[in-house]
Amino acid sequence: MIKILLIFIAGIIETFLFTWWNLSANKKQIYVSSILMLIYMTMYLSIIDTAFKDINSKLMIICYAIGCAIGNYTRVKYEKDKQNVKHQRLV
Protein backbone atom coordinates (compact mmCIF):
# COMPACT_ATOMS: atom_id res chain seq x y z
CA MET A 1 0.00 0.00 0.00
CA ILE A 2 2.87 2.38 0.81
CA LYS A 3 4.43 1.65 -2.59
CA ILE A 4 1.17 2.58 -4.36
CA LEU A 5 0.92 5.82 -2.36
CA LEU A 6 4.51 6.69 -3.24
CA ILE A 7 3.83 6.00 -6.94
CA PHE A 8 0.75 8.26 -6.72
CA ILE A 9 2.79 11.09 -5.16
CA ALA A 10 5.62 10.53 -7.67
CA GLY A 11 3.04 10.82 -10.48
CA ILE A 12 1.94 14.20 -9.15
CA ILE A 13 5.51 15.50 -8.87
CA GLU A 14 6.67 14.00 -12.16
CA THR A 15 3.84 15.45 -14.23
CA PHE A 16 4.08 18.78 -12.42
CA LEU A 17 7.72 18.88 -13.55
CA PHE A 18 6.83 17.77 -17.08
CA THR A 19 4.21 20.51 -17.43
CA TRP A 20 6.68 23.02 -16.02
CA TRP A 21 9.27 21.76 -18.53
CA ASN A 22 6.78 22.17 -21.37
CA LEU A 23 5.99 25.74 -20.36
CA SER A 24 9.66 26.67 -19.91
CA ALA A 25 10.61 25.06 -23.24
CA ASN A 26 7.90 27.13 -24.96
CA LYS A 27 9.40 30.25 -23.37
CA LYS A 28 12.83 29.14 -24.68
CA GLN A 29 14.36 28.90 -21.20
CA ILE A 30 17.17 26.55 -22.22
CA TYR A 31 18.83 25.81 -18.86
CA VAL A 32 15.63 25.51 -16.85
CA SER A 33 13.99 23.25 -19.41
CA SER A 34 17.11 21.05 -19.66
CA ILE A 35 17.34 20.53 -15.90
CA LEU A 36 13.61 19.85 -15.64
CA MET A 37 13.79 17.29 -18.46
CA LEU A 38 16.68 15.50 -16.75
CA ILE A 39 14.74 15.24 -13.48
CA TYR A 40 11.52 14.30 -15.27
CA MET A 41 13.05 11.51 -17.36
CA THR A 42 14.89 10.05 -14.36
CA MET A 43 11.66 9.91 -12.36
CA TYR A 44 9.59 8.64 -15.29
CA LEU A 45 11.93 5.78 -16.16
CA SER A 46 12.26 4.78 -12.50
CA ILE A 47 8.48 4.69 -12.09
CA ILE A 48 7.96 2.65 -15.25
CA ASP A 49 10.70 0.23 -14.18
CA THR A 50 9.04 -0.19 -10.77
CA ALA A 51 5.58 -0.71 -12.30
CA PHE A 52 6.78 -3.44 -14.65
CA LYS A 53 8.51 -5.34 -11.83
CA ASP A 54 5.57 -5.23 -9.42
CA ILE A 55 2.81 -7.80 -9.25
CA ASN A 56 0.15 -5.15 -8.46
CA SER A 57 1.10 -3.11 -11.50
CA LYS A 58 -2.48 -2.46 -12.70
CA LEU A 59 -3.46 -0.69 -9.49
CA MET A 60 -0.10 1.06 -9.41
CA ILE A 61 -0.52 2.32 -12.98
CA ILE A 62 -4.03 3.60 -12.25
CA CYS A 63 -2.81 5.46 -9.15
CA TYR A 64 0.14 6.81 -11.14
CA ALA A 65 -2.20 8.07 -13.88
CA ILE A 66 -4.44 9.80 -11.34
CA GLY A 67 -1.37 11.39 -9.75
CA CYS A 68 -0.23 12.57 -13.19
CA ALA A 69 -3.59 14.21 -13.83
CA ILE A 70 -3.43 16.01 -10.49
CA GLY A 71 0.15 17.16 -11.14
CA ASN A 72 -0.77 18.55 -14.55
CA TYR A 73 -3.87 20.30 -13.20
CA THR A 74 -1.88 21.84 -10.34
CA ARG A 75 0.86 23.27 -12.57
CA VAL A 76 -1.51 24.62 -15.22
CA LYS A 77 -3.72 26.20 -12.54
CA TYR A 78 -0.65 27.77 -10.95
CA GLU A 79 0.42 29.28 -14.30
CA LYS A 80 -3.11 30.54 -14.98
CA ASP A 81 -3.34 32.16 -11.53
CA LYS A 82 0.10 33.73 -12.01
CA GLN A 83 -0.99 35.24 -15.34
CA ASN A 84 -4.22 36.55 -13.80
CA VAL A 85 -2.25 38.31 -11.05
CA LYS A 86 0.06 39.91 -13.64
CA HIS A 87 -2.96 40.99 -15.71
CA GLN A 88 -4.67 42.52 -12.66
CA ARG A 89 -1.54 44.52 -11.83
CA LEU A 90 -1.51 45.99 -15.34
CA VAL A 91 -5.14 47.06 -15.21
C-alpha atoms as a PDB file:
ATOM      1  CA  MET A   1       0.000   0.000   0.000  1.00  0.00           C
ATOM      2  CA  ILE A   2       2.873   2.376   0.812  1.00  0.00           C
ATOM      3  CA  LYS A   3       4.430   1.653  -2.589  1.00  0.00           C
ATOM      4  CA  ILE A   4       1.175   2.582  -4.361  1.00  0.00           C
ATOM      5  CA  LEU A   5       0.918   5.816  -2.358  1.00  0.00           C
ATOM      6  CA  LEU A   6       4.513   6.687  -3.244  1.00  0.00           C
ATOM      7  CA  ILE A   7       3.832   6.001  -6.942  1.00  0.00           C
ATOM      8  CA  PHE A   8       0.751   8.265  -6.715  1.00  0.00           C
ATOM      9  CA  ILE A   9       2.793  11.087  -5.161  1.00  0.00           C
ATOM     10  CA  ALA A  10       5.615  10.527  -7.666  1.00  0.00           C
ATOM     11  CA  GLY A  11       3.040  10.821 -10.478  1.00  0.00           C
ATOM     12  CA  ILE A  12       1.943  14.201  -9.151  1.00  0.00           C
ATOM     13  CA  ILE A  13       5.508  15.496  -8.870  1.00  0.00           C
ATOM     14  CA  GLU A  14       6.673  13.997 -12.155  1.00  0.00           C
ATOM     15  CA  THR A  15       3.840  15.446 -14.234  1.00  0.00           C
ATOM     16  CA  PHE A  16       4.085  18.780 -12.418  1.00  0.00           C
ATOM     17  CA  LEU A  17       7.725  18.879 -13.551  1.00  0.00           C
ATOM     18  CA  PHE A  18       6.830  17.773 -17.079  1.00  0.00           C
ATOM     19  CA  THR A  19       4.215  20.511 -17.434  1.00  0.00           C
ATOM     20  CA  TRP A  20       6.680  23.022 -16.024  1.00  0.00           C
ATOM     21  CA  TRP A  21       9.271  21.760 -18.530  1.00  0.00           C
ATOM     22  CA  ASN A  22       6.775  22.166 -21.367  1.00  0.00           C
ATOM     23  CA  LEU A  23       5.990  25.741 -20.356  1.00  0.00           C
ATOM     24  CA  SER A  24       9.661  26.667 -19.914  1.00  0.00           C
ATOM     25  CA  ALA A  25      10.606  25.062 -23.242  1.00  0.00           C
ATOM     26  CA  ASN A  26       7.902  27.135 -24.958  1.00  0.00           C
ATOM     27  CA  LYS A  27       9.397  30.246 -23.367  1.00  0.00           C
ATOM     28  CA  LYS A  28      12.831  29.139 -24.683  1.00  0.00           C
ATOM     29  CA  GLN A  29      14.356  28.900 -21.203  1.00  0.00           C
ATOM     30  CA  ILE A  30      17.171  26.551 -22.217  1.00  0.00           C
ATOM     31  CA  TYR A  31      18.827  25.814 -18.860  1.00  0.00           C
ATOM     32  CA  VAL A  32      15.632  25.512 -16.845  1.00  0.00           C
ATOM     33  CA  SER A  33      13.994  23.246 -19.407  1.00  0.00           C
ATOM     34  CA  SER A  34      17.113  21.047 -19.658  1.00  0.00           C
ATOM     35  CA  ILE A  35      17.339  20.532 -15.897  1.00  0.00           C
ATOM     36  CA  LEU A  36      13.609  19.851 -15.635  1.00  0.00           C
ATOM     37  CA  MET A  37      13.792  17.289 -18.457  1.00  0.00           C
ATOM     38  CA  LEU A  38      16.682  15.505 -16.750  1.00  0.00           C
ATOM     39  CA  ILE A  39      14.742  15.235 -13.481  1.00  0.00           C
ATOM     40  CA  TYR A  40      11.516  14.296 -15.271  1.00  0.00           C
ATOM     41  CA  MET A  41      13.051  11.505 -17.359  1.00  0.00           C
ATOM     42  CA  THR A  42      14.886  10.054 -14.362  1.00  0.00           C
ATOM     43  CA  MET A  43      11.658   9.906 -12.365  1.00  0.00           C
ATOM     44  CA  TYR A  44       9.591   8.639 -15.293  1.00  0.00           C
ATOM     45  CA  LEU A  45      11.925   5.776 -16.161  1.00  0.00           C
ATOM     46  CA  SER A  46      12.260   4.780 -12.496  1.00  0.00           C
ATOM     47  CA  ILE A  47       8.483   4.686 -12.092  1.00  0.00           C
ATOM     48  CA  ILE A  48       7.962   2.650 -15.254  1.00  0.00           C
ATOM     49  CA  ASP A  49      10.700   0.229 -14.177  1.00  0.00           C
ATOM     50  CA  THR A  50       9.037  -0.193 -10.773  1.00  0.00           C
ATOM     51  CA  ALA A  51       5.581  -0.713 -12.298  1.00  0.00           C
ATOM     52  CA  PHE A  52       6.782  -3.443 -14.649  1.00  0.00           C
ATOM     53  CA  LYS A  53       8.514  -5.342 -11.830  1.00  0.00           C
ATOM     54  CA  ASP A  54       5.573  -5.225  -9.419  1.00  0.00           C
ATOM     55  CA  ILE A  55       2.808  -7.800  -9.249  1.00  0.00           C
ATOM     56  CA  ASN A  56       0.155  -5.151  -8.461  1.00  0.00           C
ATOM     57  CA  SER A  57       1.096  -3.105 -11.501  1.00  0.00           C
ATOM     58  CA  LYS A  58      -2.483  -2.463 -12.702  1.00  0.00           C
ATOM     59  CA  LEU A  59      -3.465  -0.685  -9.494  1.00  0.00           C
ATOM     60  CA  MET A  60      -0.097   1.057  -9.411  1.00  0.00           C
ATOM     61  CA  ILE A  61      -0.515   2.322 -12.980  1.00  0.00           C
ATOM     62  CA  ILE A  62      -4.031   3.603 -12.250  1.00  0.00           C
ATOM     63  CA  CYS A  63      -2.811   5.464  -9.148  1.00  0.00           C
ATOM     64  CA  TYR A  64       0.135   6.814 -11.138  1.00  0.00           C
ATOM     65  CA  ALA A  65      -2.204   8.074 -13.885  1.00  0.00           C
ATOM     66  CA  ILE A  66      -4.444   9.799 -11.339  1.00  0.00           C
ATOM     67  CA  GLY A  67      -1.374  11.389  -9.752  1.00  0.00           C
ATOM     68  CA  CYS A  68      -0.229  12.566 -13.189  1.00  0.00           C
ATOM     69  CA  ALA A  69      -3.591  14.214 -13.826  1.00  0.00           C
ATOM     70  CA  ILE A  70      -3.426  16.010 -10.485  1.00  0.00           C
ATOM     71  CA  GLY A  71       0.154  17.158 -11.144  1.00  0.00           C
ATOM     72  CA  ASN A  72      -0.772  18.548 -14.549  1.00  0.00           C
ATOM     73  CA  TYR A  73      -3.866  20.304 -13.203  1.00  0.00           C
ATOM     74  CA  THR A  74      -1.875  21.840 -10.340  1.00  0.00           C
ATOM     75  CA  ARG A  75       0.858  23.270 -12.573  1.00  0.00           C
ATOM     76  CA  VAL A  76      -1.510  24.620 -15.224  1.00  0.00           C
ATOM     77  CA  LYS A  77      -3.723  26.195 -12.543  1.00  0.00           C
ATOM     78  CA  TYR A  78      -0.647  27.774 -10.952  1.00  0.00           C
ATOM     79  CA  GLU A  79       0.415  29.281 -14.298  1.00  0.00           C
ATOM     80  CA  LYS A  80      -3.113  30.540 -14.978  1.00  0.00           C
ATOM     81  CA  ASP A  81      -3.342  32.160 -11.527  1.00  0.00           C
ATOM     82  CA  LYS A  82       0.096  33.734 -12.007  1.00  0.00           C
ATOM     83  CA  GLN A  83      -0.994  35.240 -15.336  1.00  0.00           C
ATOM     84  CA  ASN A  84      -4.219  36.550 -13.796  1.00  0.00           C
ATOM     85  CA  VAL A  85      -2.245  38.309 -11.055  1.00  0.00           C
ATOM     86  CA  LYS A  86       0.056  39.914 -13.643  1.00  0.00           C
ATOM     87  CA  HIS A  87      -2.955  40.990 -15.707  1.00  0.00           C
ATOM     88  CA  GLN A  88      -4.675  42.518 -12.663  1.00  0.00           C
ATOM     89  CA  ARG A  89      -1.542  44.519 -11.830  1.00  0.00           C
ATOM     90  CA  LEU A  90      -1.510  45.985 -15.339  1.00  0.00           C
ATOM     91  CA  VAL A  91      -5.141  47.061 -15.208  1.00  0.00           C
END
